[in-house]
Amino acid sequence: MTKLNEIGIFIKKEYQNKNYGKKAILMLIDKVKLNKYYANVSPLNIRAQKFFKELRFKLIQYTYILE
């Protein structure tokens, strides 16, 4: 977790679909009591979007930048 309350998670292929990611997120939320948690997900990563939606996260933005 970052200072901005962003959650990052990576589950190795052989451990996916075993609820480890869900358990890890729920344990983190239970231990670290905050008002908001953020998860940055690629718009192309449908599986991650579904994962966070199932945990009741809401889509708030797609971000673009050109410098």
C-alpha atoms as a PDB file:
ATOM      1  CA  MET A   1       0.000   0.000   0.000  1.00  0.00           C
ATOM      2  CA  THR A   2       1.266   3.467  -0.847  1.00  0.00           C
ATOM      3  CA  LYS A   3       0.960   6.724   1.076  1.00  0.00           C
ATOM      4  CA  LEU A   4      -2.070   7.479  -1.127  1.00  0.00           C
ATOM      5  CA  ASN A   5      -3.843   4.300   0.087  1.00  0.00           C
ATOM      6  CA  GLU A   6      -3.318   2.569  -3.266  1.00  0.00           C
ATOM      7  CA  ILE A   7      -3.468  -1.217  -3.190  1.00  0.00           C
ATOM      8  CA  GLY A   8      -1.203  -3.250  -5.442  1.00  0.00           C
ATOM      9  CA  ILE A   9      -1.573  -6.987  -5.733  1.00  0.00           C
ATOM     10  CA  PHE A  10       0.097  -9.644  -7.860  1.00  0.00           C
ATOM     11  CA  ILE A  11      -0.775 -13.316  -7.642  1.00  0.00           C
ATOM     12  CA  LYS A  12       1.438 -15.800  -9.488  1.00  0.00           C
ATOM     13  CA  LYS A  13      -0.400 -17.735 -12.184  1.00  0.00           C
ATOM     14  CA  GLU A  14      -0.340 -21.041 -10.277  1.00  0.00           C
ATOM     15  CA  TYR A  15      -2.028 -19.427  -7.250  1.00  0.00           C
ATOM     16  CA  GLN A  16      -4.737 -17.508  -9.122  1.00  0.00           C
ATOM     17  CA  ASN A  17      -8.419 -18.460  -8.743  1.00  0.00           C
ATOM     18  CA  LYS A  18      -7.851 -19.784  -5.212  1.00  0.00           C
ATOM     19  CA  ASN A  19      -9.188 -16.673  -3.384  1.00  0.00           C
ATOM     20  CA  TYR A  20      -5.716 -15.694  -2.110  1.00  0.00           C
ATOM     21  CA  GLY A  21      -6.035 -12.201  -3.597  1.00  0.00           C
ATOM     22  CA  LYS A  22      -9.436 -11.640  -2.042  1.00  0.00           C
ATOM     23  CA  LYS A  23      -8.242 -12.895   1.342  1.00  0.00           C
ATOM     24  CA  ALA A  24      -5.151 -10.659   1.186  1.00  0.00           C
ATOM     25  CA  ILE A  25      -7.191  -7.534   0.368  1.00  0.00           C
ATOM     26  CA  LEU A  26      -9.764  -8.251   3.072  1.00  0.00           C
ATOM     27  CA  MET A  27      -7.018  -8.887   5.648  1.00  0.00           C
ATOM     28  CA  LEU A  28      -5.326  -5.612   4.702  1.00  0.00           C
ATOM     29  CA  ILE A  29      -8.583  -3.676   5.000  1.00  0.00           C
ATOM     30  CA  ASP A  30      -9.288  -5.335   8.347  1.00  0.00           C
ATOM     31  CA  LYS A  31      -5.829  -4.465   9.721  1.00  0.00           C
ATOM     32  CA  VAL A  32      -5.388  -0.998   8.185  1.00  0.00           C
ATOM     33  CA  LYS A  33      -8.534   0.981   8.933  1.00  0.00           C
ATOM     34  CA  LEU A  34      -8.865   3.798   6.397  1.00  0.00           C
ATOM     35  CA  ASN A  35     -11.776   5.668   4.839  1.00  0.00           C
ATOM     36  CA  LYS A  36     -10.691   4.950   1.259  1.00  0.00           C
ATOM     37  CA  TYR A  37      -8.541   2.463  -0.624  1.00  0.00           C
ATOM     38  CA  TYR A  38      -7.525   2.866  -4.265  1.00  0.00           C
ATOM     39  CA  ALA A  39      -6.650   0.183  -6.813  1.00  0.00           C
ATOM     40  CA  ASN A  40      -5.222   1.279 -10.164  1.00  0.00           C
ATOM     41  CA  VAL A  41      -6.270  -1.177 -12.858  1.00  0.00           C
ATOM     42  CA  SER A  42      -5.645  -1.096 -16.591  1.00  0.00           C
ATOM     43  CA  PRO A  43      -8.818  -0.579 -18.644  1.00  0.00           C
ATOM     44  CA  LEU A  44      -7.713  -3.666 -20.589  1.00  0.00           C
ATOM     45  CA  ASN A  45      -7.474  -5.878 -17.490  1.00  0.00           C
ATOM     46  CA  ILE A  46     -11.034  -7.169 -17.311  1.00  0.00           C
ATOM     47  CA  ARG A  47     -10.209  -9.870 -14.750  1.00  0.00           C
ATOM     48  CA  ALA A  48      -8.762  -7.307 -12.311  1.00  0.00           C
ATOM     49  CA  GLN A  49     -11.728  -4.988 -12.871  1.00  0.00           C
ATOM     50  CA  LYS A  50     -14.122  -7.809 -12.044  1.00  0.00           C
ATOM     51  CA  PHE A  51     -12.030  -8.771  -9.006  1.00  0.00           C
ATOM     52  CA  PHE A  52     -12.198  -5.286  -7.491  1.00  0.00           C
ATOM     53  CA  LYS A  53     -15.870  -4.820  -8.400  1.00  0.00           C
ATOM     54  CA  GLU A  54     -16.645  -8.034  -6.501  1.00  0.00           C
ATOM     55  CA  LEU A  55     -14.903  -6.464  -3.497  1.00  0.00           C
ATOM     56  CA  ARG A  56     -17.244  -3.438  -3.863  1.00  0.00           C
ATOM     57  CA  PHE A  57     -14.634  -1.058  -5.305  1.00  0.00           C
ATOM     58  CA  LYS A  58     -16.123   1.513  -7.694  1.00  0.00           C
ATOM     59  CA  LEU A  59     -14.621   2.811 -10.931  1.00  0.00           C
ATOM     60  CA  ILE A  60     -13.838   6.513 -10.500  1.00  0.00           C
ATOM     61  CA  GLN A  61     -11.557   7.415 -13.417  1.00  0.00           C
ATOM     62  CA  TYR A  62      -9.493   6.510 -16.436  1.00  0.00           C
ATOM     63  CA  THR A  63      -6.376   8.709 -16.426  1.00  0.00           C
ATOM     64  CA  TYR A  64      -4.498  10.055 -19.447  1.00  0.00           C
ATOM     65  CA  ILE A  65      -1.455  12.319 -19.592  1.00  0.00           C
ATOM     66  CA  LEU A  66       0.621  13.859 -22.383  1.00  0.00           C
ATOM     67  CA  GLU A  67       3.801  15.699 -21.500  1.00  0.00           C
END
